[in-house]
């Protein structure tokens, strides 16, 4: 079952564990770290049922040390795809570097130290930071290296315009449940990415959840709207339900627990059953009952249309932001 702890407490617990093991071996770290990660994910790391085998690369470099970089590295370590000494994170902030050092991951303040000798480079910075790192990528990155970008809205053509037409690019859109190994990542690649690099990408992106490859890069804007922004829609509904529970008379803590477990159980049941949501909804909607009354009010209020309109708004905004950067 998914973790019942909050994201913050999970991360803090993870870092405390790794910090306590800083002077022990990689295997000792994994002995403590893997069960915690697996408990949070219930072992749902099939990523389209790909097998986990060690990656045959010299170095995996991360430019940027934010939450997504942490999620990817955590998954890679737990799946034992690479030992820590084959990963390096470049980050300008001491706080970020300390976080990864506690996980036994080498870090650097300058991008050069991470880029030199790297077979795969993960660009894990915000889109507006991309222009600042391009000079380092051009100067220090191996021209045959694979670049995996998790920067929202930055297209393959934009990377090629900055780094040259021969650079091998993967563009991906993960989401925040990756922090507990339950993310979903949609990704695509430039035409010159090799079969070996394709498989490397599948393993890396699959290490922190599920990964779906698409041929059409336009699908990345769709993924941004549906799964990238999707957790926010989910949290908004959860917030509204929790507030409604408080209005009914529950304490906030009890209301939050009821909503969390109801959403968690419902999502897992929908996934396990394989049934369409309307079938599951009808199973608990008795004629003239309480659920029927709730569904009638939701439909009358345009609830379904609001959700659809919100997804479309996110999609259109993603397209607009991409067009603005290219103009």
Protein backbone atom coordinates (compact mmCIF):
# COMPACT_ATOMS: atom_id res chain seq x y z
CA UNK A 1 0.00 0.00 0.00
CA UNK A 2 1.13 3.52 -0.63
CA UNK A 3 2.72 5.38 2.24
CA UNK A 4 0.34 6.83 4.80
CA UNK A 5 2.96 9.35 5.77
CA UNK A 6 3.08 12.76 4.21
CA UNK A 7 5.61 13.45 1.48
CA UNK A 8 7.61 15.66 3.81
CA UNK A 9 7.88 13.10 6.59
CA UNK A 10 8.81 10.39 4.10
CA UNK A 11 11.63 12.48 2.67
CA UNK A 12 12.85 13.53 6.11
CA UNK A 13 12.85 9.93 7.28
CA UNK A 14 14.73 8.88 4.15
CA UNK A 15 17.39 11.54 4.62
CA UNK A 16 17.76 10.75 8.34
CA UNK A 17 18.33 7.11 7.50
CA UNK A 18 20.88 7.87 4.77
CA UNK A 19 22.58 10.46 6.93
CA UNK A 20 23.06 7.98 9.74
CA UNK A 21 24.68 5.58 7.26
CA UNK A 22 26.96 8.11 5.62
CA UNK A 23 30.16 6.33 6.63
CA UNK A 24 28.89 2.85 5.82
CA UNK A 25 28.94 0.95 2.56
CA UNK A 26 26.50 1.31 -0.33
CA UNK A 27 25.02 -2.10 0.49
CA UNK A 28 24.45 -0.99 4.09
CA UNK A 29 22.61 2.09 2.89
CA UNK A 30 20.41 0.04 0.58
CA UNK A 31 19.63 -2.42 3.36
CA UNK A 32 18.02 0.43 5.30
CA UNK A 33 16.82 2.57 2.43
CA UNK A 34 15.13 0.04 0.12
CA UNK A 35 12.52 -1.29 2.58
CA UNK A 36 11.38 2.26 3.35
CA UNK A 37 11.03 3.10 -0.34
CA UNK A 38 9.31 -0.21 -1.08
CA UNK A 39 6.86 0.29 1.79
CA UNK A 40 5.89 3.63 0.30
CA UNK A 41 5.37 2.15 -3.15
CA UNK A 42 4.14 -1.38 -2.42
CA UNK A 43 6.69 -2.56 -4.94
CA UNK A 44 4.72 -1.09 -7.85
CA UNK A 45 7.84 -0.40 -9.88
CA UNK A 46 6.97 -2.44 -12.96
CA UNK A 47 7.36 0.53 -15.38
CA UNK A 48 5.66 -1.52 -18.08
CA UNK A 49 7.18 -4.67 -16.57
CA UNK A 50 10.77 -3.82 -17.53
CA UNK A 51 13.45 -5.85 -15.72
CA UNK A 52 15.91 -4.01 -13.50
CA UNK A 53 19.51 -4.62 -14.50
CA UNK A 54 22.56 -2.49 -13.66
CA UNK A 55 23.13 0.29 -16.17
CA UNK A 56 26.24 -0.07 -18.31
CA UNK A 57 27.42 3.53 -18.12
CA UNK A 58 30.39 5.34 -16.60
CA UNK A 59 28.54 8.27 -15.07
CA UNK A 60 25.03 9.63 -14.73
CA UNK A 61 25.16 13.40 -14.27
CA UNK A 62 22.36 15.56 -12.88
CA UNK A 63 22.36 19.26 -13.63
CA UNK A 64 20.13 20.52 -10.84
CA UNK A 65 19.40 18.98 -7.47
CA UNK A 66 15.71 19.59 -6.84
CA UNK A 67 12.90 17.26 -5.84
CA UNK A 68 12.71 15.44 -9.17
CA UNK A 69 16.44 14.78 -9.22
CA UNK A 70 16.09 13.36 -5.72
CA UNK A 71 13.18 11.16 -6.81
CA UNK A 72 15.06 9.77 -9.81
CA UNK A 73 18.22 9.09 -7.83
CA UNK A 74 16.27 7.46 -5.00
CA UNK A 75 14.65 5.08 -7.47
CA UNK A 76 17.96 4.31 -9.17
CA UNK A 77 19.60 3.49 -5.85
CA UNK A 78 16.78 1.30 -4.62
CA UNK A 79 16.67 -0.62 -7.89
CA UNK A 80 20.49 -0.84 -7.74
CA UNK A 81 20.84 0.41 -11.30
CA UNK A 82 24.03 2.26 -10.39
CA UNK A 83 26.29 2.59 -7.35
CA UNK A 84 26.44 6.08 -5.83
CA UNK A 85 29.98 6.71 -7.11
CA UNK A 86 28.69 6.58 -10.70
CA UNK A 87 26.20 9.38 -10.07
CA UNK A 88 27.04 13.05 -9.65
CA UNK A 89 24.78 16.00 -8.93
CA UNK A 90 25.69 19.55 -9.82
CA UNK A 91 23.94 22.21 -7.76
CA UNK A 92 24.88 25.78 -6.84
CA UNK A 93 23.30 25.53 -3.38
CA UNK A 94 25.09 23.98 -0.43
CA UNK A 95 21.80 22.77 1.04
CA UNK A 96 21.06 20.74 -2.07
CA UNK A 97 24.56 19.27 -2.19
CA UNK A 98 24.39 18.28 1.47
CA UNK A 99 21.11 16.47 0.82
CA UNK A 100 22.71 14.25 -1.81
CA UNK A 101 25.95 13.80 0.10
CA UNK A 102 23.89 12.25 2.89
CA UNK A 103 22.70 9.74 0.31
CA UNK A 104 26.38 9.02 -0.53
CA UNK A 105 25.99 10.76 -3.91
CA UNK A 106 29.00 12.84 -5.05
CA UNK A 107 28.15 16.47 -5.74
CA UNK A 108 29.73 19.50 -7.34
CA UNK A 109 29.08 23.22 -7.28
CA UNK A 110 30.18 23.61 -10.91
CA UNK A 111 28.49 21.83 -13.80
CA UNK A 112 31.87 20.97 -15.33
CA UNK A 113 32.69 18.43 -12.63
CA UNK A 114 29.47 16.51 -13.25
CA UNK A 115 29.50 16.73 -17.04
CA UNK A 116 33.03 15.54 -17.80
CA UNK A 117 32.92 11.80 -18.44
CA UNK A 118 29.13 11.49 -18.22
CA UNK A 119 27.37 9.10 -20.61
CA UNK A 120 23.92 10.36 -19.60
CA UNK A 121 23.06 13.90 -18.49
CA UNK A 122 19.75 14.60 -16.77
CA UNK A 123 18.73 18.24 -17.12
CA UNK A 124 16.76 18.78 -13.92
CA UNK A 125 16.48 22.57 -13.77
CA UNK A 126 13.58 24.92 -14.32
CA UNK A 127 12.97 25.95 -17.95
CA UNK A 128 14.13 29.52 -17.35
CA UNK A 129 17.52 28.23 -16.16
CA UNK A 130 18.24 26.33 -19.39
CA UNK A 131 19.97 29.30 -21.13
CA UNK A 132 22.36 29.58 -18.17
CA UNK A 133 23.56 25.97 -18.41
CA UNK A 134 23.84 25.74 -22.21
CA UNK A 135 27.44 27.11 -22.31
CA UNK A 136 28.59 24.41 -19.86
CA UNK A 137 26.77 21.69 -21.79
CA UNK A 138 28.45 22.82 -25.00
CA UNK A 139 31.90 23.07 -23.44
CA UNK A 140 32.08 20.03 -21.16
CA UNK A 141 29.50 17.45 -22.23
CA UNK A 142 30.56 14.50 -24.36
CA UNK A 143 28.98 15.05 -27.81
CA UNK A 144 27.82 11.42 -27.76
CA UNK A 145 26.14 11.71 -24.37
CA UNK A 146 22.40 11.21 -23.98
CA UNK A 147 20.52 14.22 -22.59
CA UNK A 148 17.35 13.49 -20.61
CA UNK A 149 15.36 16.64 -19.93
CA UNK A 150 12.66 16.96 -17.30
CA UNK A 151 12.35 20.71 -17.91
CA UNK A 152 8.71 21.45 -18.68
CA UNK A 153 7.93 22.96 -22.06
CA UNK A 154 11.45 22.87 -23.52
CA UNK A 155 11.20 21.07 -26.86
CA UNK A 156 13.65 18.74 -28.56
CA UNK A 157 14.13 21.31 -31.34
CA UNK A 158 15.05 23.97 -28.78
CA UNK A 159 17.73 21.73 -27.30
CA UNK A 160 19.10 20.96 -30.76
CA UNK A 161 19.11 24.64 -31.66
CA UNK A 162 21.27 25.31 -28.59
CA UNK A 163 23.41 22.18 -28.46
CA UNK A 164 23.65 21.20 -32.11
CA UNK A 165 21.64 18.98 -34.47
CA UNK A 166 23.49 15.79 -33.53
CA UNK A 167 22.74 15.84 -29.80
CA UNK A 168 20.65 12.89 -28.56
CA UNK A 169 17.68 14.23 -26.61
CA UNK A 170 14.96 12.66 -24.48
CA UNK A 171 12.16 14.97 -23.37
CA UNK A 172 10.08 13.78 -20.44
CA UNK A 173 7.21 14.90 -18.22
CA UNK A 174 7.18 13.23 -14.78
CA UNK A 175 4.89 14.14 -11.89
CA UNK A 176 5.37 14.65 -8.17
CA UNK A 177 4.23 11.20 -6.94
CA UNK A 178 7.65 10.16 -8.25
CA UNK A 179 8.86 11.31 -4.83
CA UNK A 180 7.52 8.07 -3.35
CA UNK A 181 8.14 5.92 -6.41
CA UNK A 182 4.58 6.20 -7.73
CA UNK A 183 5.13 8.69 -10.53
CA UNK A 184 4.01 8.45 -14.13
CA UNK A 185 6.36 9.80 -16.77
CA UNK A 186 5.55 10.37 -20.43
CA UNK A 187 8.60 10.65 -22.66
CA UNK A 188 9.73 10.93 -26.25
CA UNK A 189 13.07 11.11 -28.01
CA UNK A 190 14.91 12.64 -30.94
CA UNK A 191 15.24 10.48 -34.03
CA UNK A 192 18.96 9.89 -33.48
CA UNK A 193 18.61 8.27 -30.04
CA UNK A 194 20.01 4.76 -30.32
CA UNK A 195 18.29 1.54 -29.26
CA UNK A 196 20.74 1.23 -26.37
CA UNK A 197 20.01 4.78 -25.22
CA UNK A 198 16.27 4.10 -25.52
CA UNK A 199 16.58 1.14 -23.16
CA UNK A 200 18.73 3.17 -20.76
CA UNK A 201 16.02 5.81 -20.65
CA UNK A 202 13.31 3.22 -19.97
CA UNK A 203 15.28 1.93 -16.99
CA UNK A 204 16.04 5.38 -15.57
CA UNK A 205 12.53 6.81 -15.93
CA UNK A 206 10.96 3.55 -14.82
CA UNK A 207 12.94 3.45 -11.58
CA UNK A 208 10.61 5.92 -9.84
CA UNK A 209 7.24 4.76 -11.11
CA UNK A 210 5.76 4.03 -14.51
CA UNK A 211 7.08 5.27 -17.86
CA UNK A 212 5.16 5.62 -21.12
CA UNK A 213 6.96 6.26 -24.41
CA UNK A 214 5.20 8.25 -27.14
CA UNK A 215 6.32 8.90 -30.72
CA UNK A 216 4.66 12.31 -31.04
CA UNK A 217 6.27 15.10 -29.01
CA UNK A 218 2.95 16.98 -29.04
CA UNK A 219 1.75 14.40 -26.53
CA UNK A 220 4.05 15.98 -23.96
CA UNK A 221 1.77 19.04 -23.76
CA UNK A 222 -1.17 16.69 -23.28
CA UNK A 223 0.73 14.83 -20.55
CA UNK A 224 1.58 18.12 -18.87
CA UNK A 225 -2.13 18.92 -18.62
CA UNK A 226 -3.33 15.47 -17.57
CA UNK A 227 -0.66 13.80 -15.45
CA UNK A 228 1.84 16.60 -14.86
CA UNK A 229 -0.75 18.97 -13.40
CA UNK A 230 -3.04 16.09 -12.42
CA UNK A 231 -1.93 15.83 -8.78
CA UNK A 232 -3.08 19.43 -8.24
CA UNK A 233 -6.61 18.55 -9.41
CA UNK A 234 -6.57 15.58 -7.07
CA UNK A 235 -5.40 17.69 -4.12
CA UNK A 236 -8.04 20.34 -4.79
CA UNK A 237 -10.81 17.72 -4.65
CA UNK A 238 -9.24 16.28 -1.50
CA UNK A 239 -9.09 19.73 0.09
CA UNK A 240 -12.74 20.38 -0.72
CA UNK A 241 -13.80 17.02 0.72
CA UNK A 242 -11.76 17.54 3.90
CA UNK A 243 -13.31 20.98 4.40
CA UNK A 244 -16.76 19.50 3.83
CA UNK A 245 -16.04 16.89 6.48
CA UNK A 246 -15.06 19.61 8.95
CA UNK A 247 -18.27 21.47 8.09
CA UNK A 248 -20.21 18.30 8.85
CA UNK A 249 -18.62 18.10 12.29
CA UNK A 250 -15.49 15.92 12.03
CA UNK A 251 -12.21 17.17 13.42
CA UNK A 252 -9.81 18.18 10.67
CA UNK A 253 -7.45 15.31 11.43
CA UNK A 254 -10.22 12.71 11.24
CA UNK A 255 -11.67 14.26 8.09
CA UNK A 256 -8.25 14.27 6.45
CA UNK A 257 -7.65 10.63 7.36
CA UNK A 258 -11.05 9.60 5.98
CA UNK A 259 -10.47 11.43 2.70
CA UNK A 260 -6.88 10.23 2.27
CA UNK A 261 -7.76 6.59 2.77
CA UNK A 262 -10.92 6.83 0.67
CA UNK A 263 -8.98 8.29 -2.25
CA UNK A 264 -6.10 5.87 -1.82
CA UNK A 265 -8.33 2.82 -1.59
CA UNK A 266 -10.50 3.94 -4.49
CA UNK A 267 -7.49 4.53 -6.75
CA UNK A 268 -5.98 1.15 -5.91
CA UNK A 269 -9.33 -0.60 -6.36
CA UNK A 270 -9.87 1.03 -9.75
CA UNK A 271 -6.38 -0.01 -10.82
CA UNK A 272 -6.70 -3.55 -9.48
CA UNK A 273 -10.18 -4.17 -10.89
CA UNK A 274 -9.43 -2.79 -14.34
CA UNK A 275 -13.03 -1.58 -14.52
CA UNK A 276 -14.16 1.71 -16.03
CA UNK A 277 -14.80 4.37 -13.36
CA UNK A 278 -18.47 4.61 -14.34
CA UNK A 279 -18.92 0.90 -13.53
CA UNK A 280 -17.36 1.34 -10.11
CA UNK A 281 -19.38 4.49 -9.46
CA UNK A 282 -22.63 2.75 -10.35
CA UNK A 283 -21.80 -0.06 -7.93
CA UNK A 284 -22.15 2.34 -5.01
CA UNK A 285 -24.94 4.53 -6.39
CA UNK A 286 -28.22 3.05 -5.18
CA UNK A 287 -31.47 4.45 -6.62
CA UNK A 288 -32.73 7.24 -4.41
CA UNK A 289 -29.74 6.90 -2.08
CA UNK A 290 -27.20 9.28 -0.62
CA UNK A 291 -24.61 8.76 -3.34
CA UNK A 292 -27.26 9.28 -6.03
CA UNK A 293 -28.17 12.60 -4.41
CA UNK A 294 -24.52 13.63 -4.36
CA UNK A 295 -23.97 12.64 -8.00
CA UNK A 296 -27.10 14.52 -9.10
CA UNK A 297 -25.88 17.70 -7.41
CA UNK A 298 -22.38 17.29 -8.87
CA UNK A 299 -23.73 16.87 -12.40
CA UNK A 300 -26.19 19.74 -11.96
CA UNK A 301 -23.34 21.97 -10.81
CA UNK A 302 -21.22 21.11 -13.85
CA UNK A 303 -18.55 19.25 -11.89
CA UNK A 304 -17.54 17.05 -14.82
CA UNK A 305 -17.31 20.05 -17.17
CA UNK A 306 -15.18 21.98 -14.67
CA UNK A 307 -12.65 19.13 -14.58
CA UNK A 308 -12.56 18.87 -18.37
CA UNK A 309 -12.24 22.64 -18.78
CA UNK A 310 -9.40 22.71 -16.24
CA UNK A 311 -7.44 20.05 -18.14
CA UNK A 312 -7.97 21.93 -21.40
CA UNK A 313 -6.86 25.19 -19.78
CA UNK A 314 -3.63 23.54 -18.63
CA UNK A 315 -3.06 22.10 -22.11
CA UNK A 316 -3.63 25.44 -23.84
CA UNK A 317 -1.35 27.19 -21.37
CA UNK A 318 1.38 24.63 -21.98
CA UNK A 319 1.14 25.30 -25.71
CA UNK A 320 1.16 29.06 -25.13
CA UNK A 321 4.27 28.92 -22.94
CA UNK A 322 6.07 26.85 -25.55
CA UNK A 323 5.12 29.31 -28.29
CA UNK A 324 6.28 32.27 -26.18
CA UNK A 325 9.71 30.74 -25.70
CA UNK A 326 10.05 30.11 -29.44
CA UNK A 327 8.93 33.61 -30.50
